[in-house]
C-alpha cells in the first residue's frame, strides 16, 4: 500500500541551464527518487529531445542560443510544462527559476530549491563586472533569496555556511552534500608507477600551474590530467617547464577516469581559498577529495580548517598543503611517491572513511526523508 501511495506522488525537477545527465540532478536525485517509488519528471532545456531513462520522464523545452532568450522564452516554456505535468512537489535547481518556484508555491504546490552554489559569493567573484555593480546586484539578490526561502517549503544546500545563513528564515533547510556514489566495485592495478592524477574541470582555482611547477624537480613522475580546459589556460600550462611531465587526456568518459584512478599513485584536490569555499574554512561542496578516497588514493589537498578538523585530525589518508605554496605541494607529492607502502595504507584508510561517512548513499536518505516529510 505504501509503495502504491508513493507511485501516485508526482515530483517534477526543473532546470534551465543544466544538462539532463547532470550527476547530482539526474543520477543522484531524479533516479534516486524514482527508485524510491516516486513518479519523477525532469524538465530541462538542453535541446536533446524527450525520453525516459531509468524510470525518469525527461521533457526538453529546447535550447536557446542567447542568454536573453533563455531568460524569456525558455522560462516561459518551463513554466508551461511545469503546470502541464501537474505534480505534487516541484524542485528547481537554478536560481533563475526562482520566480517560477514562487509562482508554483502560490498555486498551492510544494516547492523545494536545490541550491547547488553559494550565489552571493559567486556573484562577488565575477571578474567581468565592475565592483560597485557586483555589490549592488549581490545585495539585491540576497534580499530576493531570503524572501524566497521564507515562502517555499524546503531548501537543500551543499555548504554548511549557506545552511547556517538560511536556516534562520526557513527551518526546513538541509545540508545535502554532493558526495560520490560508492555502490560499485573498484579495480585497482598494481600502482608501481609514479603517477599523480586529476580529473574534472581544469580551471585556475584547482592550482594546476602551481602543481606543474611543483613536479618540475621531481624525478620519474607523470601527471595525468583529464577534463575540459579553455585554450588560453591550456597554452599557459603548456608554456611551463614542468609540462613535459604532464599527459593531457582531454575530456574522457568516467569509465576511462576509473582506469586512470586505478593506476595512479595519488590524487590531487588542491583548490585555492575562495569565497565559494568559505576561504580557509572550506566546506564539503568540493567533493573531488572524496571521489579520490573512494578509489583508495592518498590525497594531496588544501589545508581547509574543516577538512583538517573533521578528516585529517582523525584519519591519516593524505597530506594537506597551502594551495599557493609550491614548495609545500612539491614536498607532499614527493613524500607520497617516495613512501609507497605508507601511501597505500593512507589510500586504504581513505576509502574506509569515504564509504563510512562521505558517500551519496548516506545523503540519499536525507533526500528521501525530506520528500516523505513534505508529502505526509
Protein backbone atom coordinates (compact mmCIF):
# COMPACT_ATOMS: atom_id res chain seq x y z
CA UNK A 1 0.00 0.00 0.00
CA UNK A 2 2.80 2.41 0.86
CA UNK A 3 4.51 1.75 -2.49
CA UNK A 4 1.22 2.37 -4.33
CA UNK A 5 0.81 5.61 -2.43
CA UNK A 6 4.32 6.72 -3.42
CA UNK A 7 3.77 5.92 -7.08
CA UNK A 8 0.85 8.35 -7.06
CA UNK A 9 3.15 11.06 -5.74
CA UNK A 10 4.45 13.08 -8.65
CA UNK A 11 7.73 15.01 -8.48
CA UNK A 12 8.90 17.50 -11.08
CA UNK A 13 12.52 18.64 -11.17
CA UNK A 14 13.26 21.78 -13.19
CA UNK A 15 16.45 23.14 -14.75
CA UNK A 16 17.03 25.78 -17.39
CA UNK A 17 20.83 25.51 -17.66
CA UNK A 18 21.94 22.01 -16.65
CA UNK A 19 22.27 19.05 -18.98
CA UNK A 20 19.88 16.18 -18.32
CA UNK A 21 22.77 13.93 -17.30
CA UNK A 22 23.97 16.28 -14.54
CA UNK A 23 25.27 13.85 -11.93
CA UNK A 24 23.59 15.45 -8.91
CA UNK A 25 20.30 16.45 -10.53
CA UNK A 26 19.72 13.32 -12.63
CA UNK A 27 21.78 10.34 -11.46
CA UNK A 28 21.52 11.10 -7.75
CA UNK A 29 18.26 12.98 -7.19
CA UNK A 30 15.93 12.11 -10.09
CA UNK A 31 16.92 8.44 -10.41
CA UNK A 32 17.14 8.13 -6.63
CA UNK A 33 13.61 9.40 -6.10
CA UNK A 34 12.29 7.24 -8.96
CA UNK A 35 13.92 4.13 -7.47
CA UNK A 36 12.25 5.00 -4.17
CA UNK A 37 8.87 4.86 -5.88
CA UNK A 38 8.08 8.43 -6.91
CA UNK A 39 6.76 9.32 -10.36
CA UNK A 40 9.55 11.67 -11.48
CA UNK A 41 9.53 14.13 -14.37
CA UNK A 42 12.65 16.12 -15.25
CA UNK A 43 12.12 19.30 -17.30
CA UNK A 44 15.29 20.58 -18.99
CA UNK A 45 16.32 22.91 -21.81
CA UNK A 46 19.29 21.13 -23.38
CA UNK A 47 17.91 20.55 -26.89
CA UNK A 48 18.29 16.76 -26.80
CA UNK A 49 14.61 15.82 -27.02
CA UNK A 50 12.21 13.87 -24.84
CA UNK A 51 12.98 10.43 -23.47
CA UNK A 52 12.56 8.11 -20.50
CA UNK A 53 15.72 6.94 -18.72
CA UNK A 54 15.89 4.78 -15.58
CA UNK A 55 12.27 5.46 -14.76
CA UNK A 56 12.59 9.25 -15.15
CA UNK A 57 10.48 11.02 -17.78
CA UNK A 58 12.60 13.75 -19.38
CA UNK A 59 10.86 16.65 -21.11
CA UNK A 60 13.01 19.01 -23.17
CA UNK A 61 11.69 22.52 -23.89
CA UNK A 62 14.52 23.23 -26.34
CA UNK A 63 17.82 25.04 -26.08
CA UNK A 64 18.10 28.76 -26.82
CA UNK A 65 21.40 30.21 -28.02
CA UNK A 66 21.22 33.64 -26.44
CA UNK A 67 21.08 34.35 -22.72
CA UNK A 68 18.21 36.80 -23.27
CA UNK A 69 16.04 34.16 -24.98
CA UNK A 70 16.94 31.71 -22.21
CA UNK A 71 15.66 34.19 -19.65
CA UNK A 72 12.48 34.80 -21.62
CA UNK A 73 11.34 32.05 -23.98
CA UNK A 74 12.96 29.21 -22.01
CA UNK A 75 11.47 30.46 -18.74
CA UNK A 76 8.02 30.67 -20.30
CA UNK A 77 8.29 27.17 -21.77
CA UNK A 78 9.46 25.67 -18.48
CA UNK A 79 6.59 27.39 -16.67
CA UNK A 80 4.08 25.97 -19.17
CA UNK A 81 5.48 22.44 -18.88
CA UNK A 82 5.63 22.66 -15.08
CA UNK A 83 1.91 23.49 -14.95
CA UNK A 84 1.10 20.86 -17.55
CA UNK A 85 2.65 17.91 -15.66
CA UNK A 86 0.72 18.92 -12.50
CA UNK A 87 2.94 17.37 -9.82
CA UNK A 88 2.78 17.33 -6.02
CA UNK A 89 6.31 18.64 -5.46
CA UNK A 90 8.44 20.87 -7.67
CA UNK A 91 12.19 21.13 -7.24
CA UNK A 92 14.12 23.82 -9.07
CA UNK A 93 17.89 23.65 -9.44
CA UNK A 94 18.87 27.06 -10.86
CA UNK A 95 18.47 30.49 -9.23
CA UNK A 96 16.97 31.94 -12.40
CA UNK A 97 13.96 29.63 -11.85
CA UNK A 98 13.29 31.28 -8.51
CA UNK A 99 10.25 33.20 -9.77
CA UNK A 100 8.76 30.05 -11.28
CA UNK A 101 9.21 28.40 -7.90
CA UNK A 102 7.35 31.23 -6.20
CA UNK A 103 4.51 31.04 -8.75
CA UNK A 104 4.19 27.29 -8.21
CA UNK A 105 4.10 27.83 -4.45
CA UNK A 106 1.40 30.46 -4.85
CA UNK A 107 -0.65 27.96 -6.87
CA UNK A 108 -0.61 25.57 -3.90
CA UNK A 109 2.27 23.26 -4.80
CA UNK A 110 5.10 22.09 -2.56
CA UNK A 111 8.36 23.71 -3.70
CA UNK A 112 11.99 22.76 -3.00
CA UNK A 113 15.09 24.71 -4.01
CA UNK A 114 18.22 22.63 -4.60
CA UNK A 115 20.83 25.33 -4.07
CA UNK A 116 23.99 23.90 -5.64
CA UNK A 117 26.07 27.04 -5.16
CA UNK A 118 26.62 29.96 -2.82
CA UNK A 119 25.17 32.51 -5.23
CA UNK A 120 26.13 35.74 -3.39
CA UNK A 121 29.73 34.51 -3.21
CA UNK A 122 29.62 33.55 -6.90
CA UNK A 123 28.36 36.98 -7.89
CA UNK A 124 31.13 38.74 -5.98
CA UNK A 125 33.72 36.66 -7.85
CA UNK A 126 32.57 37.73 -11.33
CA UNK A 127 35.66 39.43 -12.72
CA UNK A 128 33.91 40.92 -15.74
CA UNK A 129 31.63 43.12 -13.60
CA UNK A 130 32.72 46.44 -12.00
CA UNK A 131 32.96 46.20 -8.23
CA UNK A 132 30.13 48.59 -7.38
CA UNK A 133 27.77 46.83 -9.77
CA UNK A 134 28.68 43.47 -8.21
CA UNK A 135 27.96 44.84 -4.73
CA UNK A 136 24.59 46.21 -5.85
CA UNK A 137 23.49 43.04 -7.69
CA UNK A 138 24.63 40.84 -4.81
CA UNK A 139 22.69 42.94 -2.28
CA UNK A 140 19.51 42.82 -4.38
CA UNK A 141 19.85 39.09 -5.00
CA UNK A 142 20.49 38.36 -1.29
CA UNK A 143 17.24 40.08 -0.32
CA UNK A 144 15.33 38.20 -3.01
CA UNK A 145 16.92 34.93 -1.92
CA UNK A 146 15.82 35.42 1.70
CA UNK A 147 12.31 36.45 0.62
CA UNK A 148 12.00 33.30 -1.49
CA UNK A 149 13.42 30.96 1.15
CA UNK A 150 10.77 32.20 3.58
CA UNK A 151 7.99 31.40 1.09
CA UNK A 152 8.93 27.93 -0.19
CA UNK A 153 8.76 24.61 1.63
CA UNK A 154 12.38 23.48 1.76
CA UNK A 155 15.95 24.18 0.65
CA UNK A 156 18.73 21.68 0.00
CA UNK A 157 22.22 23.18 0.02
CA UNK A 158 25.78 21.90 -0.32
CA UNK A 159 27.58 24.25 2.08
CA UNK A 160 27.39 24.49 5.86
CA UNK A 161 27.75 28.28 5.67
CA UNK A 162 24.75 28.56 3.35
CA UNK A 163 22.66 26.35 5.61
CA UNK A 164 23.62 28.43 8.64
CA UNK A 165 22.68 31.64 6.80
CA UNK A 166 19.31 30.42 5.53
CA UNK A 167 18.01 28.23 8.36
CA UNK A 168 17.16 31.45 10.22
CA UNK A 169 14.49 32.07 7.57
CA UNK A 170 13.23 28.53 6.99
CA UNK A 171 13.65 25.67 9.46
CA UNK A 172 13.49 23.15 6.62
CA UNK A 173 16.93 23.94 5.18
CA UNK A 174 19.00 20.75 4.98
CA UNK A 175 22.62 20.11 4.09
CA UNK A 176 22.64 17.66 1.17
CA UNK A 177 26.30 17.18 0.32
CA UNK A 178 27.21 16.10 -3.19
CA UNK A 179 29.27 13.12 -2.05
CA UNK A 180 30.20 10.46 -4.65
CA UNK A 181 28.18 7.35 -5.38
CA UNK A 182 30.07 4.39 -3.92
CA UNK A 183 27.86 1.37 -4.65
CA UNK A 184 30.16 -0.08 -7.29
CA UNK A 185 33.23 -2.27 -7.23
CA UNK A 186 36.64 -0.73 -7.83
CA UNK A 187 39.50 -2.43 -9.63
CA UNK A 188 43.00 -1.31 -8.69
CA UNK A 189 46.01 -2.12 -10.83
CA UNK A 190 49.49 -2.55 -9.44
CA UNK A 191 50.50 1.00 -8.55
CA UNK A 192 54.21 0.76 -9.21
CA UNK A 193 54.45 3.80 -11.49
CA UNK A 194 54.94 7.32 -10.12
CA UNK A 195 51.64 8.67 -11.44
CA UNK A 196 49.61 11.52 -9.98
CA UNK A 197 46.21 12.48 -11.34
CA UNK A 198 43.35 14.94 -11.59
CA UNK A 199 40.00 14.61 -13.40
CA UNK A 200 37.44 17.38 -13.61
CA UNK A 201 37.07 20.96 -14.74
CA UNK A 202 40.59 22.21 -15.40
CA UNK A 203 40.27 25.76 -14.11
CA UNK A 204 42.60 28.15 -12.30
CA UNK A 205 41.05 27.53 -8.90
CA UNK A 206 42.44 24.00 -8.91
CA UNK A 207 46.01 25.36 -8.89
CA UNK A 208 47.30 23.38 -11.87
CA UNK A 209 50.00 25.95 -12.53
CA UNK A 210 51.37 25.51 -9.01
CA UNK A 211 51.14 21.72 -9.31
CA UNK A 212 53.08 21.68 -12.59
CA UNK A 213 55.70 23.97 -11.08
CA UNK A 214 55.89 21.63 -8.08
CA UNK A 215 56.58 18.49 -10.15
CA UNK A 216 59.25 20.19 -12.24
CA UNK A 217 62.06 18.91 -9.99
CA UNK A 218 60.52 15.55 -9.09
CA UNK A 219 62.16 12.63 -10.86
CA UNK A 220 60.32 9.97 -12.83
CA UNK A 221 56.82 11.37 -12.44
CA UNK A 222 53.79 11.61 -14.72
CA UNK A 223 50.82 13.91 -14.16
CA UNK A 224 47.64 12.56 -15.78
CA UNK A 225 45.25 15.43 -16.38
CA UNK A 226 41.73 14.86 -17.70
CA UNK A 227 38.89 17.30 -18.28
CA UNK A 228 37.71 20.36 -20.13
CA UNK A 229 40.00 23.37 -20.34
CA UNK A 230 39.87 26.61 -22.31
CA UNK A 231 42.58 27.12 -24.90
CA UNK A 232 44.13 30.19 -23.26
CA UNK A 233 44.69 28.42 -19.94
CA UNK A 234 45.92 25.27 -21.67
CA UNK A 235 48.56 27.29 -23.54
CA UNK A 236 49.66 28.91 -20.27
CA UNK A 237 50.17 25.50 -18.71
CA UNK A 238 51.98 24.15 -21.78
CA UNK A 239 54.46 27.03 -21.52
CA UNK A 240 55.62 25.79 -18.09
CA UNK A 241 58.81 23.77 -17.90
CA UNK A 242 57.08 21.02 -15.92
CA UNK A 243 54.55 20.42 -18.72
CA UNK A 244 56.88 17.79 -20.18
CA UNK A 245 55.80 15.60 -17.26
CA UNK A 246 52.08 16.09 -17.96
CA UNK A 247 49.93 13.80 -20.08
CA UNK A 248 46.77 15.70 -21.00
CA UNK A 249 43.99 13.22 -21.80
CA UNK A 250 41.28 15.70 -22.77
CA UNK A 251 37.64 15.04 -21.95
CA UNK A 252 37.21 11.33 -21.25
CA UNK A 253 34.19 9.24 -20.08
CA UNK A 254 34.02 8.20 -16.44
CA UNK A 255 34.95 4.63 -17.36
CA UNK A 256 38.30 5.97 -18.59
CA UNK A 257 38.62 8.14 -15.47
CA UNK A 258 38.22 4.96 -13.41
CA UNK A 259 41.10 3.37 -15.32
CA UNK A 260 43.20 6.45 -14.62
CA UNK A 261 42.42 6.28 -10.91
CA UNK A 262 43.17 2.55 -10.80
CA UNK A 263 46.77 3.02 -11.96
CA UNK A 264 47.65 6.28 -10.20
CA UNK A 265 49.68 6.57 -7.00
CA UNK A 266 47.91 9.63 -5.59
CA UNK A 267 45.20 12.12 -6.40
CA UNK A 268 45.12 15.91 -6.23
CA UNK A 269 42.37 18.14 -4.80
CA UNK A 270 44.26 21.40 -4.35
CA UNK A 271 41.77 24.25 -4.58
CA UNK A 272 42.63 27.84 -3.76
CA UNK A 273 40.95 29.76 -0.95
CA UNK A 274 37.80 31.34 -2.44
CA UNK A 275 34.59 32.89 -1.14
CA UNK A 276 32.61 29.96 -2.54
CA UNK A 277 34.76 27.62 -0.44
CA UNK A 278 34.40 29.86 2.63
CA UNK A 279 38.02 30.92 2.26
CA UNK A 280 40.36 28.98 4.58
CA UNK A 281 37.47 27.35 6.45
CA UNK A 282 36.40 25.21 3.48
CA UNK A 283 33.25 23.14 3.02
CA UNK A 284 32.12 19.83 1.54
CA UNK A 285 30.80 21.26 -1.73
CA UNK A 286 34.18 20.40 -3.24
CA UNK A 287 33.80 16.63 -3.41
CA UNK A 288 36.80 15.78 -5.57
CA UNK A 289 38.67 14.68 -2.45
CA UNK A 290 36.05 12.04 -1.59
CA UNK A 291 35.96 10.64 -5.13
CA UNK A 292 39.71 10.09 -4.88
CA UNK A 293 39.38 8.49 -1.44
CA UNK A 294 36.79 6.03 -2.79
CA UNK A 295 39.48 4.81 -5.21
CA UNK A 296 41.96 4.15 -2.39
CA UNK A 297 44.10 7.07 -3.50
CA UNK A 298 46.02 9.05 -0.89
CA UNK A 299 45.31 12.72 -1.49
CA UNK A 300 47.27 15.94 -1.57
CA UNK A 301 44.68 18.59 -0.87
CA UNK A 302 44.04 22.07 0.51
CA UNK A 303 44.52 22.62 4.23
CA UNK A 304 40.97 23.84 4.81
CA UNK A 305 40.18 24.10 8.51
CA UNK A 306 37.02 21.97 8.17
CA UNK A 307 38.90 19.20 6.37
CA UNK A 308 41.72 19.31 8.91
CA UNK A 309 39.32 19.09 11.88
CA UNK A 310 36.82 16.54 10.56
CA UNK A 311 39.03 14.29 8.43
CA UNK A 312 42.78 14.61 8.82
CA UNK A 313 42.93 15.12 12.59
CA UNK A 314 41.43 11.63 13.00
CA UNK A 315 42.46 9.78 9.85
CA UNK A 316 45.78 9.69 8.05
CA UNK A 317 44.61 9.47 4.46
CA UNK A 318 46.64 12.20 2.78
CA UNK A 319 48.64 15.39 3.19
CA UNK A 320 47.20 18.91 3.34
CA UNK A 321 49.01 21.92 1.90
CA UNK A 322 48.71 25.65 1.46
CA UNK A 323 47.36 25.81 -2.11
CA UNK A 324 49.57 28.76 -3.04
CA UNK A 325 52.80 27.27 -1.70
CA UNK A 326 54.63 25.41 -4.48
CA UNK A 327 57.29 24.06 -2.08
CA UNK A 328 54.64 22.50 0.18
CA UNK A 329 52.92 20.91 -2.79
CA UNK A 330 56.24 19.51 -4.07
CA UNK A 331 57.20 18.06 -0.67
CA UNK A 332 53.80 16.40 -0.21
CA UNK A 333 53.82 14.78 -3.66
CA UNK A 334 57.45 13.72 -3.31
CA UNK A 335 56.82 12.18 0.14
CA UNK A 336 53.91 10.04 -1.01
CA UNK A 337 55.76 8.85 -4.12
CA UNK A 338 58.89 8.05 -2.13
CA UNK A 339 56.93 6.12 0.55
CA UNK A 340 54.61 3.85 -1.49
CA UNK A 341 53.72 1.50 1.37
CA UNK A 342 52.66 4.36 3.61
CA UNK A 343 50.79 5.95 0.71
CA UNK A 344 48.94 2.70 0.03
CA UNK A 345 47.88 2.48 3.67
CA UNK A 346 46.63 6.08 3.52
CA UNK A 347 44.57 5.08 0.49
CA UNK A 348 43.01 2.13 2.30
CA UNK A 349 42.14 4.33 5.29
CA UNK A 350 40.70 6.99 2.99
CA UNK A 351 38.42 4.53 1.21
CA UNK A 352 37.11 3.20 4.52
CA UNK A 353 36.38 6.73 5.76
CA UNK A 354 34.67 7.73 2.49
CA UNK A 355 32.41 4.66 2.49
CA UNK A 356 31.51 5.18 6.14
CA UNK A 357 30.94 8.93 6.26
CA UNK A 358 31.17 10.65 2.87
CA UNK A 359 29.05 8.67 0.39
CA UNK A 360 25.95 9.65 -1.58
CA UNK A 361 24.18 6.59 -0.17
CA UNK A 362 24.21 8.34 3.23
CA UNK A 363 22.96 11.61 1.74
CA UNK A 364 20.21 9.91 -0.27
CA UNK A 365 18.43 9.08 2.99
CA UNK A 366 18.20 12.83 3.71
CA UNK A 367 16.73 13.42 0.24
CA UNK A 368 14.04 10.75 0.52
CA UNK A 369 13.35 11.72 4.13
CA UNK A 370 12.74 15.33 3.09
CA UNK A 371 10.29 14.29 0.38
CA UNK A 372 8.48 11.91 2.70
CA UNK A 373 8.01 14.68 5.25
CA UNK A 374 6.75 17.11 2.60
CA UNK A 375 4.15 14.64 1.32
CA UNK A 376 2.89 13.21 4.61
